PDB file of N, CA and C in Angstrom:
ATOM      1  N   MET A   1     -31.745 135.012  33.239  1.00  0.00           N
ATOM      2  CA  MET A   1     -31.916 133.763  33.974  1.00  0.00           C
ATOM      3  C   MET A   1     -31.697 134.014  35.459  1.00  0.00           C
ATOM      4  N   LYS A   2     -32.521 133.379  36.256  1.00  0.00           N
ATOM      5  CA  LYS A   2     -32.412 133.537  37.703  1.00  0.00           C
ATOM      6  C   LYS A   2     -31.387 132.563  38.253  1.00  0.00           C
ATOM      7  N   GLU A   3     -30.654 133.031  39.274  1.00  0.00           N
ATOM      8  CA  GLU A   3     -29.695 132.162  39.952  1.00  0.00           C
ATOM      9  C   GLU A   3     -30.021 132.120  41.433  1.00  0.00           C
ATOM     10  N   ILE A   4     -29.596 131.034  42.048  1.00  0.00           N
ATOM     11  CA  ILE A   4     -29.769 130.846  43.479  1.00  0.00           C
ATOM     12  C   ILE A   4     -28.430 130.346  44.021  1.00  0.00           C
ATOM     13  N   THR A   5     -28.071 130.789  45.195  1.00  0.00           N
ATOM     14  CA  THR A   5     -26.819 130.318  45.785  1.00  0.00           C
ATOM     15  C   THR A   5     -27.075 128.999  46.510  1.00  0.00           C
ATOM     16  N   PRO A   6     -26.031 128.216  46.733  1.00  0.00           N
ATOM     17  CA  PRO A   6     -26.205 126.981  47.488  1.00  0.00           C
ATOM     18  C   PRO A   6     -26.787 127.230  48.890  1.00  0.00           C
ATOM     19  N   LYS A   7     -26.378 128.320  49.541  1.00  0.00           N
ATOM     20  CA  LYS A   7     -26.911 128.631  50.881  1.00  0.00           C
ATOM     21  C   LYS A   7     -28.398 128.936  50.816  1.00  0.00           C
ATOM     22  N   GLU A   8     -28.820 129.704  49.809  1.00  0.00           N
ATOM     23  CA  GLU A   8     -30.246 130.012  49.643  1.00  0.00           C
ATOM     24  C   GLU A   8     -31.033 128.732  49.393  1.00  0.00           C
ATOM     25  N   MET A   9     -30.464 127.861  48.599  1.00  0.00           N
ATOM     26  CA  MET A   9     -31.147 126.604  48.295  1.00  0.00           C
ATOM     27  C   MET A   9     -31.255 125.716  49.520  1.00  0.00           C
ATOM     28  N   GLU A  10     -30.213 125.688  50.319  1.00  0.00           N
ATOM     29  CA  GLU A  10     -30.242 124.879  51.537  1.00  0.00           C
ATOM     30  C   GLU A  10     -31.363 125.357  52.453  1.00  0.00           C
ATOM     31  N   SER A  11     -31.549 126.657  52.547  1.00  0.00           N
ATOM     32  CA  SER A  11     -32.644 127.214  53.353  1.00  0.00           C
ATOM     33  C   SER A  11     -34.000 126.823  52.779  1.00  0.00           C
ATOM     34  N   LEU A  12     -34.127 126.871  51.451  1.00  0.00           N
ATOM     35  CA  LEU A  12     -35.385 126.496  50.806  1.00  0.00           C
ATOM     36  C   LEU A  12     -35.731 125.037  51.058  1.00  0.00           C
ATOM     37  N   LEU A  13     -34.724 124.180  51.040  1.00  0.00           N
ATOM     38  CA  LEU A  13     -34.967 122.745  51.250  1.00  0.00           C
ATOM     39  C   LEU A  13     -35.613 122.473  52.595  1.00  0.00           C
ATOM     40  N   LYS A  14     -35.282 123.295  53.587  1.00  0.00           N
ATOM     41  CA  LYS A  14     -35.825 123.101  54.932  1.00  0.00           C
ATOM     42  C   LYS A  14     -37.268 123.564  55.042  1.00  0.00           C
ATOM     43  N   LYS A  15     -37.690 124.472  54.156  1.00  0.00           N
ATOM     44  CA  LYS A  15     -39.005 125.095  54.278  1.00  0.00           C
ATOM     45  C   LYS A  15     -40.015 124.648  53.230  1.00  0.00           C
ATOM     46  N   GLU A  16     -39.561 124.388  52.037  1.00  0.00           N
ATOM     47  CA  GLU A  16     -40.480 124.179  50.924  1.00  0.00           C
ATOM     48  C   GLU A  16     -40.214 122.879  50.191  1.00  0.00           C
ATOM     49  N   ASN A  17     -41.212 122.458  49.452  1.00  0.00           N
ATOM     50  CA  ASN A  17     -41.062 121.319  48.559  1.00  0.00           C
ATOM     51  C   ASN A  17     -40.558 121.874  47.227  1.00  0.00           C
ATOM     52  N   ILE A  18     -39.258 121.772  46.999  1.00  0.00           N
ATOM     53  CA  ILE A  18     -38.702 122.313  45.761  1.00  0.00           C
ATOM     54  C   ILE A  18     -38.309 121.175  44.832  1.00  0.00           C
ATOM     55  N   HIS A  19     -38.208 121.507  43.562  1.00  0.00           N
ATOM     56  CA  HIS A  19     -37.931 120.512  42.536  1.00  0.00           C
ATOM     57  C   HIS A  19     -36.525 120.746  41.999  1.00  0.00           C
ATOM     58  N   VAL A  20     -35.640 119.807  42.310  1.00  0.00           N
ATOM     59  CA  VAL A  20     -34.237 119.920  41.932  1.00  0.00           C
ATOM     60  C   VAL A  20     -33.931 118.904  40.841  1.00  0.00           C
ATOM     61  N   ILE A  21     -33.283 119.369  39.774  1.00  0.00           N
ATOM     62  CA  ILE A  21     -32.846 118.476  38.707  1.00  0.00           C
ATOM     63  C   ILE A  21     -31.332 118.554  38.642  1.00  0.00           C
ATOM     64  N   ASP A  22     -30.702 117.418  38.832  1.00  0.00           N
ATOM     65  CA  ASP A  22     -29.243 117.299  38.773  1.00  0.00           C
ATOM     66  C   ASP A  22     -28.883 116.847  37.365  1.00  0.00           C
ATOM     67  N   VAL A  23     -28.176 117.680  36.611  1.00  0.00           N
ATOM     68  CA  VAL A  23     -27.877 117.367  35.210  1.00  0.00           C
ATOM     69  C   VAL A  23     -26.498 116.734  35.016  1.00  0.00           C
ATOM     70  N   ARG A  24     -25.877 116.294  36.116  1.00  0.00           N
ATOM     71  CA  ARG A  24     -24.592 115.596  35.989  1.00  0.00           C
ATOM     72  C   ARG A  24     -24.821 114.196  35.430  1.00  0.00           C
ATOM     73  N   GLU A  25     -23.740 113.589  35.001  1.00  0.00           N
ATOM     74  CA  GLU A  25     -23.805 112.210  34.518  1.00  0.00           C
ATOM     75  C   GLU A  25     -24.083 111.273  35.695  1.00  0.00           C
ATOM     76  N   THR A  26     -24.660 110.127  35.406  1.00  0.00           N
ATOM     77  CA  THR A  26     -25.047 109.156  36.429  1.00  0.00           C
ATOM     78  C   THR A  26     -23.879 108.787  37.338  1.00  0.00           C
ATOM     79  N   GLU A  27     -22.708 108.599  36.768  1.00  0.00           N
ATOM     80  CA  GLU A  27     -21.521 108.232  37.565  1.00  0.00           C
ATOM     81  C   GLU A  27     -21.168 109.335  38.570  1.00  0.00           C
ATOM     82  N   GLU A  28     -21.325 110.593  38.174  1.00  0.00           N
ATOM     83  CA  GLU A  28     -21.028 111.712  39.073  1.00  0.00           C
ATOM     84  C   GLU A  28     -22.013 111.760  40.234  1.00  0.00           C
ATOM     85  N   VAL A  29     -23.251 111.460  39.943  1.00  0.00           N
ATOM     86  CA  VAL A  29     -24.308 111.523  40.958  1.00  0.00           C
ATOM     87  C   VAL A  29     -24.099 110.457  42.030  1.00  0.00           C
ATOM     88  N   LYS A  30     -23.455 109.351  41.673  1.00  0.00           N
ATOM     89  CA  LYS A  30     -23.211 108.279  42.644  1.00  0.00           C
ATOM     90  C   LYS A  30     -22.378 108.759  43.826  1.00  0.00           C
ATOM     91  N   ALA A  31     -21.586 109.821  43.622  1.00  0.00           N
ATOM     92  CA  ALA A  31     -20.755 110.376  44.700  1.00  0.00           C
ATOM     93  C   ALA A  31     -21.590 111.175  45.703  1.00  0.00           C
ATOM     94  N   GLY A  32     -22.837 111.438  45.369  1.00  0.00           N
ATOM     95  CA  GLY A  32     -23.729 112.167  46.263  1.00  0.00           C
ATOM     96  C   GLY A  32     -24.509 113.231  45.531  1.00  0.00           C
ATOM     97  N   LYS A  33     -25.787 113.361  45.900  1.00  0.00           N
ATOM     98  CA  LYS A  33     -26.646 114.370  45.294  1.00  0.00           C
ATOM     99  C   LYS A  33     -27.509 115.006  46.372  1.00  0.00           C
ATOM    100  N   ILE A  34     -28.106 116.122  46.048  1.00  0.00           N
ATOM    101  CA  ILE A  34     -29.014 116.795  46.969  1.00  0.00           C
ATOM    102  C   ILE A  34     -30.218 115.882  47.173  1.00  0.00           C
ATOM    103  N   PRO A  35     -30.668 115.699  48.421  1.00  0.00           N
ATOM    104  CA  PRO A  35     -31.800 114.806  48.683  1.00  0.00           C
ATOM    105  C   PRO A  35     -33.010 115.119  47.796  1.00  0.00           C
ATOM    106  N   ASP A  36     -33.580 114.089  47.243  1.00  0.00           N
ATOM    107  CA  ASP A  36     -34.765 114.138  46.386  1.00  0.00           C
ATOM    108  C   ASP A  36     -34.537 114.769  45.015  1.00  0.00           C
ATOM    109  N   ALA A  37     -33.301 115.110  44.679  1.00  0.00           N
ATOM    110  CA  ALA A  37     -33.020 115.638  43.340  1.00  0.00           C
ATOM    111  C   ALA A  37     -33.232 114.524  42.315  1.00  0.00           C
ATOM    112  N   VAL A  38     -33.751 114.898  41.160  1.00  0.00           N
ATOM    113  CA  VAL A  38     -33.951 113.964  40.058  1.00  0.00           C
ATOM    114  C   VAL A  38     -32.763 114.097  39.119  1.00  0.00           C
ATOM    115  N   ASN A  39     -32.153 112.975  38.762  1.00  0.00           N
ATOM    116  CA  ASN A  39     -31.007 113.007  37.855  1.00  0.00           C
ATOM    117  C   ASN A  39     -31.476 112.869  36.414  1.00  0.00           C
ATOM    118  N   ILE A  40     -31.250 113.926  35.641  1.00  0.00           N
ATOM    119  CA  ILE A  40     -31.471 113.893  34.194  1.00  0.00           C
ATOM    120  C   ILE A  40     -30.203 114.481  33.567  1.00  0.00           C
ATOM    121  N   PRO A  41     -29.288 113.642  33.097  1.00  0.00           N
ATOM    122  CA  PRO A  41     -28.056 114.171  32.500  1.00  0.00           C
ATOM    123  C   PRO A  41     -28.360 115.196  31.409  1.00  0.00           C
ATOM    124  N   LEU A  42     -27.521 116.213  31.325  1.00  0.00           N
ATOM    125  CA  LEU A  42     -27.743 117.306  30.378  1.00  0.00           C
ATOM    126  C   LEU A  42     -28.026 116.809  28.969  1.00  0.00           C
ATOM    127  N   GLY A  43     -27.292 115.804  28.526  1.00  0.00           N
ATOM    128  CA  GLY A  43     -27.472 115.286  27.169  1.00  0.00           C
ATOM    129  C   GLY A  43     -28.835 114.661  26.918  1.00  0.00           C
ATOM    130  N   LEU A  44     -29.549 114.317  27.977  1.00  0.00           N
ATOM    131  CA  LEU A  44     -30.873 113.701  27.841  1.00  0.00           C
ATOM    132  C   LEU A  44     -32.012 114.670  28.143  1.00  0.00           C
ATOM    133  N   LEU A  45     -31.683 115.838  28.662  1.00  0.00           N
ATOM    134  CA  LEU A  45     -32.720 116.768  29.119  1.00  0.00           C
ATOM    135  C   LEU A  45     -33.705 117.145  28.023  1.00  0.00           C
ATOM    136  N   GLU A  46     -33.208 117.421  26.837  1.00  0.00           N
ATOM    137  CA  GLU A  46     -34.086 117.811  25.738  1.00  0.00           C
ATOM    138  C   GLU A  46     -35.114 116.719  25.427  1.00  0.00           C
ATOM    139  N   PHE A  47     -34.710 115.466  25.584  1.00  0.00           N
ATOM    140  CA  PHE A  47     -35.576 114.344  25.266  1.00  0.00           C
ATOM    141  C   PHE A  47     -36.507 113.968  26.423  1.00  0.00           C
ATOM    142  N   ARG A  48     -36.237 114.515  27.615  1.00  0.00           N
ATOM    143  CA  ARG A  48     -37.067 114.182  28.781  1.00  0.00           C
ATOM    144  C   ARG A  48     -37.863 115.367  29.314  1.00  0.00           C
ATOM    145  N   MET A  49     -37.853 116.478  28.579  1.00  0.00           N
ATOM    146  CA  MET A  49     -38.600 117.664  29.000  1.00  0.00           C
ATOM    147  C   MET A  49     -40.081 117.372  29.214  1.00  0.00           C
ATOM    148  N   HIS A  50     -40.610 116.431  28.437  1.00  0.00           N
ATOM    149  CA  HIS A  50     -42.031 116.101  28.549  1.00  0.00           C
ATOM    150  C   HIS A  50     -42.390 115.548  29.941  1.00  0.00           C
ATOM    151  N   GLU A  51     -41.394 115.125  30.711  1.00  0.00           N
ATOM    152  CA  GLU A  51     -41.632 114.603  32.062  1.00  0.00           C
ATOM    153  C   GLU A  51     -41.814 115.729  33.085  1.00  0.00           C
ATOM    154  N   LEU A  52     -41.477 116.964  32.681  1.00  0.00           N
ATOM    155  CA  LEU A  52     -41.517 118.099  33.599  1.00  0.00           C
ATOM    156  C   LEU A  52     -42.825 118.866  33.458  1.00  0.00           C
ATOM    157  N   ASP A  53     -43.171 119.606  34.502  1.00  0.00           N
ATOM    158  CA  ASP A  53     -44.420 120.347  34.569  1.00  0.00           C
ATOM    159  C   ASP A  53     -44.120 121.845  34.515  1.00  0.00           C
ATOM    160  N   LYS A  54     -44.636 122.531  33.518  1.00  0.00           N
ATOM    161  CA  LYS A  54     -44.370 123.970  33.367  1.00  0.00           C
ATOM    162  C   LYS A  54     -44.987 124.796  34.495  1.00  0.00           C
ATOM    163  N   ALA A  55     -45.869 124.222  35.274  1.00  0.00           N
ATOM    164  CA  ALA A  55     -46.479 124.943  36.396  1.00  0.00           C
ATOM    165  C   ALA A  55     -45.553 124.964  37.620  1.00  0.00           C
ATOM    166  N   LYS A  56     -44.502 124.145  37.602  1.00  0.00           N
ATOM    167  CA  LYS A  56     -43.578 124.062  38.738  1.00  0.00           C
ATOM    168  C   LYS A  56     -42.311 124.858  38.458  1.00  0.00           C
ATOM    169  N   GLU A  57     -41.599 125.224  39.524  1.00  0.00           N
ATOM    170  CA  GLU A  57     -40.292 125.851  39.404  1.00  0.00           C
ATOM    171  C   GLU A  57     -39.229 124.788  39.641  1.00  0.00           C
ATOM    172  N   TYR A  58     -38.169 124.838  38.852  1.00  0.00           N
ATOM    173  CA  TYR A  58     -37.084 123.870  38.963  1.00  0.00           C
ATOM    174  C   TYR A  58     -35.774 124.568  39.266  1.00  0.00           C
ATOM    175  N   ILE A  59     -34.950 123.913  40.060  1.00  0.00           N
ATOM    176  CA  ILE A  59     -33.596 124.384  40.322  1.00  0.00           C
ATOM    177  C   ILE A  59     -32.650 123.380  39.688  1.00  0.00           C
ATOM    178  N   MET A  60     -31.808 123.891  38.803  1.00  0.00           N
ATOM    179  CA  MET A  60     -30.876 123.043  38.069  1.00  0.00           C
ATOM    180  C   MET A  60     -29.529 123.025  38.787  1.00  0.00           C
ATOM    181  N   VAL A  61     -28.934 121.827  38.880  1.00  0.00           N
ATOM    182  CA  VAL A  61     -27.675 121.640  39.598  1.00  0.00           C
ATOM    183  C   VAL A  61     -26.730 120.786  38.758  1.00  0.00           C
ATOM    184  N   CYS A  62     -25.439 121.114  38.823  1.00  0.00           N
ATOM    185  CA  CYS A  62     -24.408 120.265  38.217  1.00  0.00           C
ATOM    186  C   CYS A  62     -23.172 120.335  39.108  1.00  0.00           C
ATOM    187  N   ARG A  63     -22.019 120.005  38.584  1.00  0.00           N
ATOM    188  CA  ARG A  63     -20.791 119.998  39.391  1.00  0.00           C
ATOM    189  C   ARG A  63     -20.348 121.404  39.765  1.00  0.00           C
ATOM    190  N   SER A  64     -20.273 122.307  38.770  1.00  0.00           N
ATOM    191  CA  SER A  64     -19.739 123.644  39.055  1.00  0.00           C
ATOM    192  C   SER A  64     -20.644 124.788  38.610  1.00  0.00           C
ATOM    193  N   GLY A  65     -21.721 124.496  37.915  1.00  0.00           N
ATOM    194  CA  GLY A  65     -22.660 125.528  37.494  1.00  0.00           C
ATOM    195  C   GLY A  65     -22.746 125.747  35.995  1.00  0.00           C
ATOM    196  N   GLY A  66     -21.805 125.203  35.233  1.00  0.00           N
ATOM    197  CA  GLY A  66     -21.799 125.395  33.782  1.00  0.00           C
ATOM    198  C   GLY A  66     -22.880 124.619  33.052  1.00  0.00           C
ATOM    199  N   ARG A  67     -22.962 123.327  33.324  1.00  0.00           N
ATOM    200  CA  ARG A  67     -23.982 122.507  32.658  1.00  0.00           C
ATOM    201  C   ARG A  67     -25.384 122.885  33.112  1.00  0.00           C
ATOM    202  N   SER A  68     -25.516 123.214  34.391  1.00  0.00           N
ATOM    203  CA  SER A  68     -26.839 123.611  34.879  1.00  0.00           C
ATOM    204  C   SER A  68     -27.258 124.947  34.268  1.00  0.00           C
ATOM    205  N   PHE A  69     -26.291 125.809  33.963  1.00  0.00           N
ATOM    206  CA  PHE A  69     -26.587 127.067  33.267  1.00  0.00           C
ATOM    207  C   PHE A  69     -27.158 126.763  31.883  1.00  0.00           C
ATOM    208  N   LYS A  70     -26.517 125.839  31.156  1.00  0.00           N
ATOM    209  CA  LYS A  70     -27.007 125.450  29.827  1.00  0.00           C
ATOM    210  C   LYS A  70     -28.387 124.808  29.929  1.00  0.00           C
ATOM    211  N   ALA A  71     -28.562 123.953  30.934  1.00  0.00           N
ATOM    212  CA  ALA A  71     -29.863 123.298  31.138  1.00  0.00           C
ATOM    213  C   ALA A  71     -30.943 124.325  31.444  1.00  0.00           C
ATOM    214  N   SER A  72     -30.594 125.319  32.250  1.00  0.00           N
ATOM    215  CA  SER A  72     -31.552 126.372  32.602  1.00  0.00           C
ATOM    216  C   SER A  72     -31.965 127.152  31.356  1.00  0.00           C
ATOM    217  N   GLN A  73     -31.002 127.479  30.510  1.00  0.00           N
ATOM    218  CA  GLN A  73     -31.306 128.189  29.267  1.00  0.00           C
ATOM    219  C   GLN A  73     -32.244 127.375  28.382  1.00  0.00           C
ATOM    220  N   LEU A  74     -31.944 126.086  28.246  1.00  0.00           N
ATOM    221  CA  LEU A  74     -32.768 125.210  27.415  1.00  0.00           C
ATOM    222  C   LEU A  74     -34.209 125.188  27.914  1.00  0.00           C
ATOM    223  N   LEU A  75     -34.378 124.940  29.207  1.00  0.00           N
ATOM    224  CA  LEU A  75     -35.730 124.859  29.757  1.00  0.00           C
ATOM    225  C   LEU A  75     -36.444 126.206  29.716  1.00  0.00           C
ATOM    226  N   GLU A  76     -35.725 127.268  30.016  1.00  0.00           N
ATOM    227  CA  GLU A  76     -36.319 128.598  29.975  1.00  0.00           C
ATOM    228  C   GLU A  76     -36.811 128.919  28.562  1.00  0.00           C
ATOM    229  N   ASN A  77     -36.044 128.529  27.557  1.00  0.00           N
ATOM    230  CA  ASN A  77     -36.443 128.757  26.159  1.00  0.00           C
ATOM    231  C   ASN A  77     -37.683 127.965  25.766  1.00  0.00           C
ATOM    232  N   HIS A  78     -38.012 126.942  26.558  1.00  0.00           N
ATOM    233  CA  HIS A  78     -39.208 126.140  26.306  1.00  0.00           C
ATOM    234  C   HIS A  78     -40.342 126.473  27.280  1.00  0.00           C
ATOM    235  N   GLY A  79     -40.219 127.594  27.976  1.00  0.00           N
ATOM    236  CA  GLY A  79     -41.310 128.076  28.813  1.00  0.00           C
ATOM    237  C   GLY A  79     -41.334 127.590  30.246  1.00  0.00           C
ATOM    238  N   PHE A  80     -40.255 126.980  30.729  1.00  0.00           N
ATOM    239  CA  PHE A  80     -40.200 126.519  32.112  1.00  0.00           C
ATOM    240  C   PHE A  80     -39.677 127.617  33.032  1.00  0.00           C
ATOM    241  N   LYS A  81     -40.082 127.550  34.293  1.00  0.00           N
ATOM    242  CA  LYS A  81     -39.575 128.458  35.327  1.00  0.00           C
ATOM    243  C   LYS A  81     -38.374 127.771  35.971  1.00  0.00           C
ATOM    244  N   VAL A  82     -37.198 128.384  35.819  1.00  0.00           N
ATOM    245  CA  VAL A  82     -35.958 127.711  36.197  1.00  0.00           C
ATOM    246  C   VAL A  82     -35.009 128.640  36.946  1.00  0.00           C
ATOM    247  N   PHE A  83     -34.310 128.064  37.910  1.00  0.00           N
ATOM    248  CA  PHE A  83     -33.213 128.725  38.604  1.00  0.00           C
ATOM    249  C   PHE A  83     -31.965 127.889  38.392  1.00  0.00           C
ATOM    250  N   ASN A  84     -30.821 128.534  38.290  1.00  0.00           N
ATOM    251  CA  ASN A  84     -29.549 127.832  38.212  1.00  0.00           C
ATOM    252  C   ASN A  84     -28.858 127.971  39.565  1.00  0.00           C
ATOM    253  N   MET A  85     -28.405 126.852  40.147  1.00  0.00           N
ATOM    254  CA  MET A  85     -27.657 126.935  41.400  1.00  0.00           C
ATOM    255  C   MET A  85     -26.211 127.272  41.077  1.00  0.00           C
ATOM    256  N   ALA A  86     -25.830 128.502  41.363  1.00  0.00           N
ATOM    257  CA  ALA A  86     -24.481 128.992  41.086  1.00  0.00           C
ATOM    258  C   ALA A  86     -23.455 128.206  41.900  1.00  0.00           C
ATOM    259  N   GLY A  87     -22.350 127.849  41.266  1.00  0.00           N
ATOM    260  CA  GLY A  87     -21.280 127.136  41.967  1.00  0.00           C
ATOM    261  C   GLY A  87     -21.439 125.640  42.006  1.00  0.00           C
ATOM    262  N   GLY A  88     -22.636 125.145  41.748  1.00  0.00           N
ATOM    263  CA  GLY A  88     -22.889 123.709  41.688  1.00  0.00           C
ATOM    264  C   GLY A  88     -22.552 122.954  42.962  1.00  0.00           C
ATOM    265  N   MET A  89     -22.372 121.664  42.811  1.00  0.00           N
ATOM    266  CA  MET A  89     -22.108 120.788  43.955  1.00  0.00           C
ATOM    267  C   MET A  89     -20.758 121.082  44.608  1.00  0.00           C
ATOM    268  N   LEU A  90     -19.842 121.725  43.887  1.00  0.00           N
ATOM    269  CA  LEU A  90     -18.570 122.096  44.481  1.00  0.00           C
ATOM    270  C   LEU A  90     -18.773 123.084  45.632  1.00  0.00           C
ATOM    271  N   GLU A  91     -19.832 123.868  45.566  1.00  0.00           N
ATOM    272  CA  GLU A  91     -20.125 124.869  46.597  1.00  0.00           C
ATOM    273  C   GLU A  91     -21.171 124.387  47.610  1.00  0.00           C
ATOM    274  N   TRP A  92     -21.742 123.228  47.388  1.00  0.00           N
ATOM    275  CA  TRP A  92     -22.837 122.712  48.222  1.00  0.00           C
ATOM    276  C   TRP A  92     -22.285 122.145  49.533  1.00  0.00           C
ATOM    277  N   ASP A  93     -22.738 122.715  50.656  1.00  0.00           N
ATOM    278  CA  ASP A  93     -22.348 122.216  51.981  1.00  0.00           C
ATOM    279  C   ASP A  93     -23.487 121.502  52.680  1.00  0.00           C
ATOM    280  N   GLY A  94     -24.649 121.460  52.034  1.00  0.00           N
ATOM    281  CA  GLY A  94     -25.831 120.865  52.650  1.00  0.00           C
ATOM    282  C   GLY A  94     -25.794 119.353  52.603  1.00  0.00           C
ATOM    283  N   PRO A  95     -26.899 118.736  52.994  1.00  0.00           N
ATOM    284  CA  PRO A  95     -26.980 117.277  53.025  1.00  0.00           C
ATOM    285  C   PRO A  95     -26.932 116.664  51.637  1.00  0.00           C
ATOM    286  N   THR A  96     -26.431 115.442  51.560  1.00  0.00           N
ATOM    287  CA  THR A  96     -26.440 114.689  50.304  1.00  0.00           C
ATOM    288  C   THR A  96     -26.922 113.274  50.597  1.00  0.00           C
ATOM    289  N   GLU A  97     -27.322 112.616  49.536  1.00  0.00           N
ATOM    290  CA  GLU A  97     -27.727 111.205  49.666  1.00  0.00           C
ATOM    291  C   GLU A  97     -27.070 110.396  48.574  1.00  0.00           C
TER     292      GLU A  97
END
């Protein structure tokens, strides 16, 4: 599985249109999320995979990197191109909304 650091992701956000999926619970996301990230809680990801496009690359994010690691494995096993943001939002110094 591929990983990306929060610093690498922050640089990508400035240059490219990237697809970020935040797998934290809705209540956690209310405290702030990466701009334009889509919130799909980990427990619902399996049921909402049909909303995603296998032609796109996704970066998975959670609080510390554990849930996003599981989400990345799930999507990768279903043929998606996925990166896990190591360290999660605890390591994120970039902008939030």
